[in-house]
Amino acid sequence: MPFYKVWYRNNPQPLEFSSAGRVRDEEIVERIFQHESITPVAAAGDAPTLGALIEANGLAPVRYAEDEGEPYTIE
């Protein structure tokens, strides 16, 4: 059962959660939206990237660590 710590907007305290399995970057961003009660603003373009969605909603930078491992940045 992986444990995640997610930092966004340079908040000092991470969003923490466990999941039954590994989660994709898109699911991590969805959890941020749910936690913050944000209705996502669509990013410009026909098929916006996850990074564009993060920027459009003022969440950057988004970083996470799984089970105290190396942190990853979602771009």
PDB file of N, CA and C in Angstrom:
ATOM      1  N   MET A   1       0.850  -1.175   0.000  1.00  0.00           N
ATOM      2  CA  MET A   1       0.000   0.000   0.000  1.00  0.00           C
ATOM      3  C   MET A   1       0.899   1.242   0.000  1.00  0.00           C
ATOM      4  N   PRO A   2       1.069   1.883  -1.149  1.00  0.00           N
ATOM      5  CA  PRO A   2       1.945   3.056  -1.228  1.00  0.00           C
ATOM      6  C   PRO A   2       1.406   4.245  -0.438  1.00  0.00           C
ATOM      7  N   PHE A   3       2.331   4.989   0.156  1.00  0.00           N
ATOM      8  CA  PHE A   3       2.014   6.213   0.889  1.00  0.00           C
ATOM      9  C   PHE A   3       2.623   7.378   0.120  1.00  0.00           C
ATOM     10  N   TYR A   4       1.818   8.389  -0.148  1.00  0.00           N
ATOM     11  CA  TYR A   4       2.257   9.539  -0.944  1.00  0.00           C
ATOM     12  C   TYR A   4       2.275  10.814  -0.119  1.00  0.00           C
ATOM     13  N   LYS A   5       3.273  11.655  -0.400  1.00  0.00           N
ATOM     14  CA  LYS A   5       3.334  13.024   0.093  1.00  0.00           C
ATOM     15  C   LYS A   5       3.412  13.904  -1.145  1.00  0.00           C
ATOM     16  N   VAL A   6       2.496  14.882  -1.225  1.00  0.00           N
ATOM     17  CA  VAL A   6       2.412  15.733  -2.409  1.00  0.00           C
ATOM     18  C   VAL A   6       2.520  17.194  -1.975  1.00  0.00           C
ATOM     19  N   TRP A   7       3.461  17.902  -2.579  1.00  0.00           N
ATOM     20  CA  TRP A   7       3.630  19.329  -2.327  1.00  0.00           C
ATOM     21  C   TRP A   7       3.206  20.095  -3.570  1.00  0.00           C
ATOM     22  N   TYR A   8       2.503  21.201  -3.378  1.00  0.00           N
ATOM     23  CA  TYR A   8       2.081  22.054  -4.494  1.00  0.00           C
ATOM     24  C   TYR A   8       2.008  23.483  -3.975  1.00  0.00           C
ATOM     25  N   ARG A   9       2.133  24.436  -4.888  1.00  0.00           N
ATOM     26  CA  ARG A   9       2.128  25.865  -4.540  1.00  0.00           C
ATOM     27  C   ARG A   9       3.175  26.205  -3.483  1.00  0.00           C
ATOM     28  N   ASN A  10       4.212  25.408  -3.376  1.00  0.00           N
ATOM     29  CA  ASN A  10       5.255  25.596  -2.367  1.00  0.00           C
ATOM     30  C   ASN A  10       4.705  25.598  -0.946  1.00  0.00           C
ATOM     31  N   ASN A  11       3.582  24.905  -0.718  1.00  0.00           N
ATOM     32  CA  ASN A  11       3.046  24.756   0.634  1.00  0.00           C
ATOM     33  C   ASN A  11       4.045  23.970   1.477  1.00  0.00           C
ATOM     34  N   PRO A  12       4.293  24.381   2.720  1.00  0.00           N
ATOM     35  CA  PRO A  12       5.244  23.650   3.548  1.00  0.00           C
ATOM     36  C   PRO A  12       4.744  22.276   3.985  1.00  0.00           C
ATOM     37  N   GLN A  13       3.414  22.129   4.157  1.00  0.00           N
ATOM     38  CA  GLN A  13       2.844  20.853   4.578  1.00  0.00           C
ATOM     39  C   GLN A  13       2.316  20.100   3.370  1.00  0.00           C
ATOM     40  N   PRO A  14       2.739  18.851   3.197  1.00  0.00           N
ATOM     41  CA  PRO A  14       2.261  18.089   2.042  1.00  0.00           C
ATOM     42  C   PRO A  14       0.855  17.538   2.241  1.00  0.00           C
ATOM     43  N   LEU A  15       0.208  17.276   1.137  1.00  0.00           N
ATOM     44  CA  LEU A  15      -1.022  16.493   1.121  1.00  0.00           C
ATOM     45  C   LEU A  15      -0.565  15.045   1.221  1.00  0.00           C
ATOM     46  N   GLU A  16      -1.083  14.289   2.172  1.00  0.00           N
ATOM     47  CA  GLU A  16      -0.652  12.908   2.373  1.00  0.00           C
ATOM     48  C   GLU A  16      -1.828  11.960   2.165  1.00  0.00           C
ATOM     49  N   PHE A  17      -1.552  10.836   1.515  1.00  0.00           N
ATOM     50  CA  PHE A  17      -2.590   9.826   1.317  1.00  0.00           C
ATOM     51  C   PHE A  17      -1.950   8.488   0.986  1.00  0.00           C
ATOM     52  N   SER A  18      -2.725   7.438   1.234  1.00  0.00           N
ATOM     53  CA  SER A  18      -2.335   6.074   0.868  1.00  0.00           C
ATOM     54  C   SER A  18      -3.282   5.608  -0.220  1.00  0.00           C
ATOM     55  N   SER A  19      -2.834   4.632  -0.981  1.00  0.00           N
ATOM     56  CA  SER A  19      -3.695   4.064  -2.007  1.00  0.00           C
ATOM     57  C   SER A  19      -3.463   2.557  -2.060  1.00  0.00           C
ATOM     58  N   ALA A  20      -4.403   1.872  -2.656  1.00  0.00           N
ATOM     59  CA  ALA A  20      -4.303   0.420  -2.764  1.00  0.00           C
ATOM     60  C   ALA A  20      -3.181   0.012  -3.711  1.00  0.00           C
ATOM     61  N   GLY A  21      -2.855   0.870  -4.657  1.00  0.00           N
ATOM     62  CA  GLY A  21      -1.792   0.610  -5.623  1.00  0.00           C
ATOM     63  C   GLY A  21      -1.146   1.916  -6.028  1.00  0.00           C
ATOM     64  N   ARG A  22      -0.216   1.833  -6.940  1.00  0.00           N
ATOM     65  CA  ARG A  22       0.446   3.044  -7.417  1.00  0.00           C
ATOM     66  C   ARG A  22      -0.544   3.906  -8.179  1.00  0.00           C
ATOM     67  N   VAL A  23      -0.386   5.224  -8.043  1.00  0.00           N
ATOM     68  CA  VAL A  23      -1.286   6.139  -8.748  1.00  0.00           C
ATOM     69  C   VAL A  23      -0.514   6.898  -9.823  1.00  0.00           C
ATOM     70  N   ARG A  24      -1.231   7.276 -10.864  1.00  0.00           N
ATOM     71  CA  ARG A  24      -0.632   8.020 -11.968  1.00  0.00           C
ATOM     72  C   ARG A  24      -0.571   9.501 -11.603  1.00  0.00           C
ATOM     73  N   ASP A  25       0.232  10.243 -12.336  1.00  0.00           N
ATOM     74  CA  ASP A  25       0.350  11.684 -12.105  1.00  0.00           C
ATOM     75  C   ASP A  25      -1.009  12.373 -12.196  1.00  0.00           C
ATOM     76  N   GLU A  26      -1.841  11.972 -13.152  1.00  0.00           N
ATOM     77  CA  GLU A  26      -3.162  12.570 -13.318  1.00  0.00           C
ATOM     78  C   GLU A  26      -4.016  12.387 -12.064  1.00  0.00           C
ATOM     79  N   GLU A  27      -3.918  11.219 -11.444  1.00  0.00           N
ATOM     80  CA  GLU A  27      -4.684  10.953 -10.235  1.00  0.00           C
ATOM     81  C   GLU A  27      -4.189  11.799  -9.065  1.00  0.00           C
ATOM     82  N   ILE A  28      -2.898  12.047  -9.010  1.00  0.00           N
ATOM     83  CA  ILE A  28      -2.344  12.902  -7.958  1.00  0.00           C
ATOM     84  C   ILE A  28      -2.898  14.314  -8.093  1.00  0.00           C
ATOM     85  N   VAL A  29      -2.929  14.839  -9.310  1.00  0.00           N
ATOM     86  CA  VAL A  29      -3.465  16.181  -9.541  1.00  0.00           C
ATOM     87  C   VAL A  29      -4.960  16.208  -9.222  1.00  0.00           C
ATOM     88  N   GLU A  30      -5.700  15.168  -9.557  1.00  0.00           N
ATOM     89  CA  GLU A  30      -7.120  15.093  -9.214  1.00  0.00           C
ATOM     90  C   GLU A  30      -7.324  15.145  -7.708  1.00  0.00           C
ATOM     91  N   ARG A  31      -6.456  14.484  -6.955  1.00  0.00           N
ATOM     92  CA  ARG A  31      -6.555  14.516  -5.487  1.00  0.00           C
ATOM     93  C   ARG A  31      -6.322  15.926  -4.949  1.00  0.00           C
ATOM     94  N   ILE A  32      -5.403  16.669  -5.569  1.00  0.00           N
ATOM     95  CA  ILE A  32      -5.186  18.056  -5.158  1.00  0.00           C
ATOM     96  C   ILE A  32      -6.452  18.863  -5.392  1.00  0.00           C
ATOM     97  N   PHE A  33      -7.059  18.715  -6.577  1.00  0.00           N
ATOM     98  CA  PHE A  33      -8.303  19.431  -6.876  1.00  0.00           C
ATOM     99  C   PHE A  33      -9.378  19.102  -5.840  1.00  0.00           C
ATOM    100  N   GLN A  34      -9.525  17.832  -5.500  1.00  0.00           N
ATOM    101  CA  GLN A  34     -10.521  17.423  -4.509  1.00  0.00           C
ATOM    102  C   GLN A  34     -10.213  18.009  -3.142  1.00  0.00           C
ATOM    103  N   HIS A  35      -8.946  17.927  -2.728  1.00  0.00           N
ATOM    104  CA  HIS A  35      -8.534  18.427  -1.418  1.00  0.00           C
ATOM    105  C   HIS A  35      -8.771  19.923  -1.290  1.00  0.00           C
ATOM    106  N   GLU A  36      -8.518  20.660  -2.338  1.00  0.00           N
ATOM    107  CA  GLU A  36      -8.664  22.117  -2.339  1.00  0.00           C
ATOM    108  C   GLU A  36     -10.063  22.573  -2.778  1.00  0.00           C
ATOM    109  N   SER A  37     -10.939  21.629  -3.110  1.00  0.00           N
ATOM    110  CA  SER A  37     -12.287  21.932  -3.621  1.00  0.00           C
ATOM    111  C   SER A  37     -12.219  22.868  -4.825  1.00  0.00           C
ATOM    112  N   ILE A  38     -11.339  22.525  -5.753  1.00  0.00           N
ATOM    113  CA  ILE A  38     -11.130  23.311  -6.970  1.00  0.00           C
ATOM    114  C   ILE A  38     -11.872  22.652  -8.124  1.00  0.00           C
ATOM    115  N   THR A  39     -12.634  23.455  -8.847  1.00  0.00           N
ATOM    116  CA  THR A  39     -13.188  23.014 -10.114  1.00  0.00           C
ATOM    117  C   THR A  39     -12.148  23.403 -11.158  1.00  0.00           C
ATOM    118  N   PRO A  40     -11.505  22.431 -11.792  1.00  0.00           N
ATOM    119  CA  PRO A  40     -10.390  22.741 -12.697  1.00  0.00           C
ATOM    120  C   PRO A  40     -10.766  23.699 -13.818  1.00  0.00           C
ATOM    121  N   VAL A  41      -9.893  24.651 -14.040  1.00  0.00           N
ATOM    122  CA  VAL A  41     -10.004  25.563 -15.172  1.00  0.00           C
ATOM    123  C   VAL A  41      -9.298  24.889 -16.325  1.00  0.00           C
ATOM    124  N   ALA A  42      -9.940  24.817 -17.467  1.00  0.00           N
ATOM    125  CA  ALA A  42      -9.337  24.175 -18.631  1.00  0.00           C
ATOM    126  C   ALA A  42      -8.129  24.970 -19.101  1.00  0.00           C
ATOM    127  N   ALA A  43      -7.098  24.263 -19.469  1.00  0.00           N
ATOM    128  CA  ALA A  43      -5.912  24.892 -20.029  1.00  0.00           C
ATOM    129  C   ALA A  43      -6.146  25.162 -21.511  1.00  0.00           C
ATOM    130  N   ALA A  44      -5.399  26.092 -22.057  1.00  0.00           N
ATOM    131  CA  ALA A  44      -5.534  26.437 -23.477  1.00  0.00           C
ATOM    132  C   ALA A  44      -5.084  25.268 -24.346  1.00  0.00           C
ATOM    133  N   GLY A  45      -5.719  25.139 -25.505  1.00  0.00           N
ATOM    134  CA  GLY A  45      -5.337  24.086 -26.452  1.00  0.00           C
ATOM    135  C   GLY A  45      -6.380  22.992 -26.512  1.00  0.00           C
ATOM    136  N   ASP A  46      -6.316  22.210 -27.587  1.00  0.00           N
ATOM    137  CA  ASP A  46      -7.276  21.133 -27.781  1.00  0.00           C
ATOM    138  C   ASP A  46      -7.045  19.974 -26.821  1.00  0.00           C
ATOM    139  N   ALA A  47      -5.791  19.613 -26.622  1.00  0.00           N
ATOM    140  CA  ALA A  47      -5.440  18.518 -25.724  1.00  0.00           C
ATOM    141  C   ALA A  47      -4.367  19.025 -24.764  1.00  0.00           C
ATOM    142  N   PRO A  48      -4.782  19.764 -23.718  1.00  0.00           N
ATOM    143  CA  PRO A  48      -3.788  20.351 -22.822  1.00  0.00           C
ATOM    144  C   PRO A  48      -2.991  19.276 -22.082  1.00  0.00           C
ATOM    145  N   THR A  49      -1.754  19.580 -21.832  1.00  0.00           N
ATOM    146  CA  THR A  49      -0.907  18.664 -21.075  1.00  0.00           C
ATOM    147  C   THR A  49      -1.243  18.790 -19.594  1.00  0.00           C
ATOM    148  N   LEU A  50      -0.786  17.850 -18.821  1.00  0.00           N
ATOM    149  CA  LEU A  50      -0.999  17.898 -17.387  1.00  0.00           C
ATOM    150  C   LEU A  50      -0.291  19.128 -16.805  1.00  0.00           C
ATOM    151  N   GLY A  51       0.887  19.435 -17.320  1.00  0.00           N
ATOM    152  CA  GLY A  51       1.614  20.622 -16.873  1.00  0.00           C
ATOM    153  C   GLY A  51       0.842  21.900 -17.139  1.00  0.00           C
ATOM    154  N   ALA A  52       0.177  21.987 -18.300  1.00  0.00           N
ATOM    155  CA  ALA A  52      -0.631  23.163 -18.626  1.00  0.00           C
ATOM    156  C   ALA A  52      -1.827  23.272 -17.689  1.00  0.00           C
ATOM    157  N   LEU A  53      -2.425  22.150 -17.324  1.00  0.00           N
ATOM    158  CA  LEU A  53      -3.545  22.141 -16.396  1.00  0.00           C
ATOM    159  C   LEU A  53      -3.096  22.609 -15.005  1.00  0.00           C
ATOM    160  N   ILE A  54      -1.928  22.164 -14.573  1.00  0.00           N
ATOM    161  CA  ILE A  54      -1.373  22.585 -13.293  1.00  0.00           C
ATOM    162  C   ILE A  54      -1.139  24.092 -13.290  1.00  0.00           C
ATOM    163  N   GLU A  55      -0.541  24.605 -14.362  1.00  0.00           N
ATOM    164  CA  GLU A  55      -0.288  26.048 -14.488  1.00  0.00           C
ATOM    165  C   GLU A  55      -1.575  26.847 -14.496  1.00  0.00           C
ATOM    166  N   ALA A  56      -2.558  26.406 -15.287  1.00  0.00           N
ATOM    167  CA  ALA A  56      -3.821  27.134 -15.432  1.00  0.00           C
ATOM    168  C   ALA A  56      -4.577  27.246 -14.115  1.00  0.00           C
ATOM    169  N   ASN A  57      -4.335  26.310 -13.203  1.00  0.00           N
ATOM    170  CA  ASN A  57      -5.034  26.307 -11.925  1.00  0.00           C
ATOM    171  C   ASN A  57      -4.164  26.773 -10.761  1.00  0.00           C
ATOM    172  N   GLY A  58      -2.988  27.300 -11.066  1.00  0.00           N
ATOM    173  CA  GLY A  58      -2.121  27.885 -10.033  1.00  0.00           C
ATOM    174  C   GLY A  58      -1.588  26.903  -9.013  1.00  0.00           C
ATOM    175  N   LEU A  59      -1.293  25.691  -9.427  1.00  0.00           N
ATOM    176  CA  LEU A  59      -0.804  24.669  -8.496  1.00  0.00           C
ATOM    177  C   LEU A  59       0.715  24.479  -8.519  1.00  0.00           C
ATOM    178  N   ALA A  60       1.384  25.038  -9.491  1.00  0.00           N
ATOM    179  CA  ALA A  60       2.822  24.784  -9.669  1.00  0.00           C
ATOM    180  C   ALA A  60       3.641  25.356  -8.518  1.00  0.00           C
ATOM    181  N   PRO A  61       4.738  24.715  -8.201  1.00  0.00           N
ATOM    182  CA  PRO A  61       5.189  23.420  -8.694  1.00  0.00           C
ATOM    183  C   PRO A  61       4.504  22.278  -7.936  1.00  0.00           C
ATOM    184  N   VAL A  62       4.308  21.155  -8.623  1.00  0.00           N
ATOM    185  CA  VAL A  62       3.724  19.964  -8.000  1.00  0.00           C
ATOM    186  C   VAL A  62       4.809  18.903  -7.941  1.00  0.00           C
ATOM    187  N   ARG A  63       5.103  18.467  -6.709  1.00  0.00           N
ATOM    188  CA  ARG A  63       6.108  17.429  -6.478  1.00  0.00           C
ATOM    189  C   ARG A  63       5.502  16.368  -5.566  1.00  0.00           C
ATOM    190  N   TYR A  64       5.957  15.129  -5.717  1.00  0.00           N
ATOM    191  CA  TYR A  64       5.473  14.078  -4.826  1.00  0.00           C
ATOM    192  C   TYR A  64       6.554  13.058  -4.567  1.00  0.00           C
ATOM    193  N   ALA A  65       6.410  12.373  -3.437  1.00  0.00           N
ATOM    194  CA  ALA A  65       7.300  11.275  -3.077  1.00  0.00           C
ATOM    195  C   ALA A  65       6.418  10.090  -2.701  1.00  0.00           C
ATOM    196  N   GLU A  66       6.842   8.928  -3.134  1.00  0.00           N
ATOM    197  CA  GLU A  66       6.128   7.694  -2.824  1.00  0.00           C
ATOM    198  C   GLU A  66       6.951   6.901  -1.827  1.00  0.00           C
ATOM    199  N   ASP A  67       6.356   6.569  -0.686  1.00  0.00           N
ATOM    200  CA  ASP A  67       7.026   5.772   0.343  1.00  0.00           C
ATOM    201  C   ASP A  67       8.410   6.312   0.705  1.00  0.00           C
ATOM    202  N   GLU A  68       8.492   7.611   0.933  1.00  0.00           N
ATOM    203  CA  GLU A  68       9.745   8.255   1.340  1.00  0.00           C
ATOM    204  C   GLU A  68      10.861   8.119   0.302  1.00  0.00           C
ATOM    205  N   GLY A  69      10.480   7.841  -0.936  1.00  0.00           N
ATOM    206  CA  GLY A  69      11.459   7.721  -2.021  1.00  0.00           C
ATOM    207  C   GLY A  69      11.860   9.080  -2.562  1.00  0.00           C
ATOM    208  N   GLU A  70      12.551   9.050  -3.675  1.00  0.00           N
ATOM    209  CA  GLU A  70      12.983  10.275  -4.346  1.00  0.00           C
ATOM    210  C   GLU A  70      11.774  11.085  -4.791  1.00  0.00           C
ATOM    211  N   PRO A  71      11.815  12.398  -4.621  1.00  0.00           N
ATOM    212  CA  PRO A  71      10.699  13.212  -5.088  1.00  0.00           C
ATOM    213  C   PRO A  71      10.691  13.352  -6.606  1.00  0.00           C
ATOM    214  N   TYR A  72       9.505  13.409  -7.162  1.00  0.00           N
ATOM    215  CA  TYR A  72       9.298  13.601  -8.594  1.00  0.00           C
ATOM    216  C   TYR A  72       8.539  14.893  -8.798  1.00  0.00           C
ATOM    217  N   THR A  73       8.802  15.578  -9.900  1.00  0.00           N
ATOM    218  CA  THR A  73       8.070  16.775 -10.256  1.00  0.00           C
ATOM    219  C   THR A  73       7.148  16.449 -11.423  1.00  0.00           C
ATOM    220  N   ILE A  74       5.890  16.873 -11.316  1.00  0.00           N
ATOM    221  CA  ILE A  74       4.946  16.682 -12.411  1.00  0.00           C
ATOM    222  C   ILE A  74       5.033  17.935 -13.281  1.00  0.00           C
ATOM    223  N   GLU A  75       5.370  17.726 -14.521  1.00  0.00           N
ATOM    224  CA  GLU A  75       5.520  18.863 -15.441  1.00  0.00           C
ATOM    225  C   GLU A  75       4.587  18.735 -16.614  1.00  0.00           C
TER     226      GLU A  75
END
